[in-house]
Amino acid sequence: MKRAFTLIELLVSFGVSVVLLISIWFFYHGGSRTWKSGEQKEIVNGLANTALERMVRELRMAESVVAVRPNAIEFQKFHVGTASEEEGHTYTGERPALETIRYELVKESEKMCRLDRAVGLEKAVPIFRVEQCNPEIFTAWVLEERDLEKDDNVRMHPFDFTQQIGGDVGRIVLVGIRLAISQQTDNLEILTKASLPSVYARLLQPGWNTEKP
């Protein structure tokens, strides 16, 4: 003789099923949110590294630093070859032309920051956007003056941002870049440095001239 389920047994079974379904939903939702967060962090990390690589590449080609602040840097470098159509200009002549490059972090809105790149007097072009970014991006080191005959040790000291005009700006040979950014709930910090070999060589060899053929 078969016995039917009582009302209590049916209610218990229903409750267990509901708890099981809720648990499955929470596991799925949590896993999906973690995956999306990881994917977003990977995208932001990739964009930030691309921006840093571009800055480092151009800084290593710098002939001189014009000005540097915690949130911006301006320098000159020789342009080699023909500029792309996107940049909107070309150079002609026997020698490469000097172009001025500026990178600057600006606050676009209350919830967004962007890193701009500008060439000369042209309008700045955003190369990276993020929700939050520490405004202190750049640091710099200055090659100290010395008598090579008496002291052949290379010494550097941190650049004083309050002294934008003077010999120290022209003696910057190393630039530190730090991106401390936040996107939604993710925090990311990327550090790198760029040496300026042309400036370094010219300072150590005052007679060296990059414009000579």
Protein backbone atom coordinates (compact mmCIF):
# COMPACT_ATOMS: atom_id res chain seq x y z
CA MET A 1 0.00 0.00 0.00
CA LYS A 2 1.50 3.33 -1.09
CA ARG A 3 1.47 6.25 1.29
CA ALA A 4 0.92 9.77 -0.07
CA PHE A 5 3.12 12.72 0.91
CA THR A 6 1.77 14.70 3.80
CA LEU A 7 1.44 18.48 3.62
CA ILE A 8 4.42 18.95 5.94
CA GLU A 9 6.63 16.75 3.74
CA LEU A 10 5.59 18.70 0.66
CA LEU A 11 6.35 22.02 2.36
CA VAL A 12 9.78 20.77 3.49
CA SER A 13 10.60 19.53 -0.01
CA PHE A 14 9.48 22.82 -1.50
CA GLY A 15 11.59 24.77 1.01
CA VAL A 16 14.68 22.65 0.27
CA SER A 17 14.17 23.17 -3.48
CA VAL A 18 13.84 26.94 -3.01
CA VAL A 19 17.02 27.09 -0.91
CA LEU A 20 18.87 24.99 -3.50
CA LEU A 21 17.73 27.21 -6.37
CA ILE A 22 18.67 30.38 -4.47
CA SER A 23 22.12 28.91 -3.69
CA ILE A 24 22.67 28.04 -7.37
CA TRP A 25 21.60 31.54 -8.39
CA PHE A 26 23.97 33.19 -5.89
CA PHE A 27 26.88 31.01 -7.04
CA TYR A 28 26.14 31.85 -10.68
CA HIS A 29 25.66 35.56 -10.01
CA GLY A 30 28.85 35.77 -7.90
CA GLY A 31 30.88 33.88 -10.49
CA SER A 32 29.52 36.02 -13.32
CA ARG A 33 30.27 39.24 -11.42
CA THR A 34 33.80 38.08 -10.61
CA TRP A 35 34.40 37.15 -14.25
CA LYS A 36 33.11 40.53 -15.49
CA SER A 37 35.22 42.36 -12.89
CA GLY A 38 38.31 40.43 -13.93
CA GLU A 39 37.61 41.11 -17.60
CA GLN A 40 37.13 44.85 -16.93
CA LYS A 41 40.34 44.98 -14.91
CA GLU A 42 42.24 43.25 -17.71
CA ILE A 43 40.89 45.75 -20.27
CA VAL A 44 41.84 48.75 -18.10
CA ASN A 45 45.27 47.24 -17.43
CA GLY A 46 45.84 46.73 -21.15
CA LEU A 47 44.82 50.30 -22.03
CA ALA A 48 46.96 51.76 -19.23
CA ASN A 49 50.01 49.75 -20.30
CA THR A 50 49.53 50.82 -23.92
CA ALA A 51 49.46 54.47 -22.85
CA LEU A 52 52.56 54.00 -20.69
CA GLU A 53 54.46 52.25 -23.45
CA ARG A 54 53.73 55.13 -25.81
CA MET A 55 54.92 57.72 -23.30
CA VAL A 56 58.09 55.78 -22.49
CA ARG A 57 58.89 55.25 -26.17
CA GLU A 58 58.59 58.97 -26.95
CA LEU A 59 60.40 60.08 -23.79
CA ARG A 60 63.39 57.92 -24.71
CA MET A 61 63.59 59.87 -27.98
CA ALA A 62 63.46 63.25 -26.18
CA GLU A 63 66.12 65.85 -26.92
CA SER A 64 65.11 68.02 -23.97
CA VAL A 65 62.42 68.40 -21.33
CA VAL A 66 60.61 71.75 -21.57
CA ALA A 67 58.51 71.53 -18.41
CA VAL A 68 57.31 68.89 -15.98
CA ARG A 69 54.66 68.92 -13.26
CA PRO A 70 53.18 66.07 -11.23
CA ASN A 71 50.28 65.76 -13.70
CA ALA A 72 51.99 66.82 -16.97
CA ILE A 73 55.21 66.70 -18.94
CA GLU A 74 56.30 68.57 -22.06
CA PHE A 75 59.38 67.69 -24.08
CA GLN A 76 60.91 68.00 -27.53
CA LYS A 77 61.99 65.21 -29.82
CA PHE A 78 63.07 64.87 -33.41
CA HIS A 79 60.43 63.67 -35.78
CA VAL A 80 61.84 61.05 -38.11
CA GLY A 81 60.05 60.30 -41.38
CA THR A 82 56.61 61.49 -42.45
CA ALA A 83 53.86 62.01 -39.90
CA SER A 84 50.69 60.00 -40.26
CA GLU A 85 47.55 61.53 -41.74
CA GLU A 86 45.87 61.25 -38.35
CA GLU A 87 48.39 63.68 -36.88
CA GLY A 88 47.58 66.10 -39.67
CA HIS A 89 51.05 67.34 -40.54
CA THR A 90 54.23 66.36 -42.37
CA TYR A 91 57.85 67.43 -42.20
CA THR A 92 60.13 68.09 -45.12
CA GLY A 93 63.75 69.16 -45.42
CA GLU A 94 67.24 67.75 -45.09
CA ARG A 95 67.11 67.42 -41.32
CA PRO A 96 64.41 66.02 -39.02
CA ALA A 97 62.30 68.68 -37.35
CA LEU A 98 61.85 69.10 -33.62
CA GLU A 99 58.30 68.60 -32.38
CA THR A 100 56.93 69.37 -28.93
CA ILE A 101 54.99 66.60 -27.20
CA ARG A 102 52.81 67.15 -24.14
CA TYR A 103 51.17 64.55 -21.92
CA GLU A 104 48.73 65.79 -19.30
CA LEU A 105 46.22 64.22 -16.92
CA VAL A 106 43.04 66.29 -16.78
CA LYS A 107 39.81 65.91 -14.83
CA GLU A 108 37.14 65.48 -17.48
CA SER A 109 34.23 65.40 -15.03
CA GLU A 110 33.43 64.45 -11.46
CA LYS A 111 33.49 60.78 -12.42
CA MET A 112 36.11 60.63 -15.17
CA CYS A 113 39.77 61.47 -15.77
CA ARG A 114 41.69 61.31 -19.03
CA LEU A 115 45.29 61.36 -20.19
CA ASP A 116 45.83 63.71 -23.13
CA ARG A 117 48.60 63.79 -25.74
CA ALA A 118 49.23 66.92 -27.79
CA VAL A 119 51.73 67.70 -30.56
CA GLY A 120 52.81 71.33 -30.72
CA LEU A 121 49.85 73.69 -30.81
CA GLU A 122 47.45 71.05 -32.06
CA LYS A 123 44.40 70.05 -30.07
CA ALA A 124 45.08 67.42 -27.42
CA VAL A 125 43.91 63.88 -28.12
CA PRO A 126 42.80 61.58 -25.26
CA ILE A 127 44.77 58.33 -25.19
CA PHE A 128 43.37 56.88 -21.96
CA ARG A 129 40.26 57.36 -19.83
CA VAL A 130 39.52 56.04 -16.34
CA GLU A 131 37.13 56.82 -13.50
CA GLN A 132 39.73 57.79 -10.91
CA CYS A 133 43.46 58.48 -11.18
CA ASN A 134 46.02 59.89 -8.76
CA PRO A 135 46.98 63.30 -10.23
CA GLU A 136 50.64 62.83 -9.31
CA ILE A 137 51.87 60.84 -12.30
CA PHE A 138 55.35 62.15 -13.07
CA THR A 139 58.58 62.41 -11.11
CA ALA A 140 61.96 63.37 -12.53
CA TRP A 141 65.66 63.13 -11.71
CA VAL A 142 68.32 65.67 -12.61
CA LEU A 143 71.90 64.88 -13.58
CA GLU A 144 74.15 66.85 -11.26
CA GLU A 145 76.89 69.03 -12.67
CA ARG A 146 80.42 67.91 -11.89
CA ASP A 147 84.02 68.18 -13.00
CA LEU A 148 84.76 65.01 -14.98
CA GLU A 149 88.46 65.32 -14.29
CA LYS A 150 87.92 65.32 -10.52
CA ASP A 151 84.80 63.17 -10.18
CA ASP A 152 83.61 60.65 -12.74
CA ASN A 153 80.71 59.31 -10.64
CA VAL A 154 77.22 59.91 -12.01
CA ARG A 155 74.93 61.53 -9.45
CA MET A 156 71.28 62.51 -9.73
CA HIS A 157 68.80 64.24 -7.45
CA PRO A 158 65.00 64.56 -7.59
CA PHE A 159 63.65 67.44 -9.63
CA ASP A 160 62.09 70.31 -7.66
CA PHE A 161 58.70 71.02 -9.28
CA THR A 162 58.75 74.60 -7.98
CA GLN A 163 61.81 75.35 -10.16
CA GLN A 164 60.35 75.13 -13.66
CA ILE A 165 62.69 77.74 -15.13
CA GLY A 166 66.43 77.23 -14.95
CA GLY A 167 69.16 74.72 -15.55
CA ASP A 168 67.53 71.80 -13.73
CA VAL A 169 64.78 71.31 -16.34
CA GLY A 170 67.36 70.95 -19.08
CA ARG A 171 69.31 68.42 -17.03
CA ILE A 172 66.45 65.95 -16.49
CA VAL A 173 67.71 62.54 -17.63
CA LEU A 174 65.22 60.19 -15.96
CA VAL A 175 61.43 60.36 -15.68
CA GLY A 176 59.31 58.18 -13.43
CA ILE A 177 55.70 57.44 -14.37
CA ARG A 178 53.10 56.13 -11.93
CA LEU A 179 49.50 55.36 -12.82
CA ALA A 180 47.40 54.70 -9.71
CA ILE A 181 43.90 54.23 -11.08
CA SER A 182 40.47 53.03 -9.98
CA GLN A 183 37.72 51.65 -12.21
CA GLN A 184 34.48 50.75 -10.44
CA THR A 185 35.68 48.58 -7.51
CA ASP A 186 39.09 47.68 -8.96
CA ASN A 187 42.33 49.44 -8.03
CA LEU A 188 45.44 49.23 -10.18
CA GLU A 189 48.94 50.70 -9.92
CA ILE A 190 51.53 50.61 -12.70
CA LEU A 191 55.07 51.95 -12.30
CA THR A 192 57.75 52.49 -14.90
CA LYS A 193 60.71 54.75 -15.74
CA ALA A 194 62.05 56.28 -18.92
CA SER A 195 65.66 57.33 -19.39
CA LEU A 196 66.58 60.14 -21.77
CA PRO A 197 69.81 58.92 -23.43
CA SER A 198 70.15 61.88 -25.81
CA VAL A 199 70.02 64.40 -22.96
CA TYR A 200 72.35 62.27 -20.86
CA ALA A 201 74.93 61.96 -23.65
CA ARG A 202 74.81 65.68 -24.47
CA LEU A 203 75.35 66.66 -20.84
CA LEU A 204 78.28 64.29 -20.42
CA GLN A 205 79.74 65.37 -23.78
CA PRO A 206 79.03 69.10 -24.18
CA GLY A 207 80.49 69.12 -27.69
CA TRP A 208 78.07 66.44 -28.89
CA ASN A 209 75.58 67.76 -31.46
CA THR A 210 72.60 65.64 -32.53
CA GLU A 211 71.93 67.86 -35.54
CA LYS A 212 75.21 67.12 -37.26
CA PRO A 213 74.86 64.70 -40.19
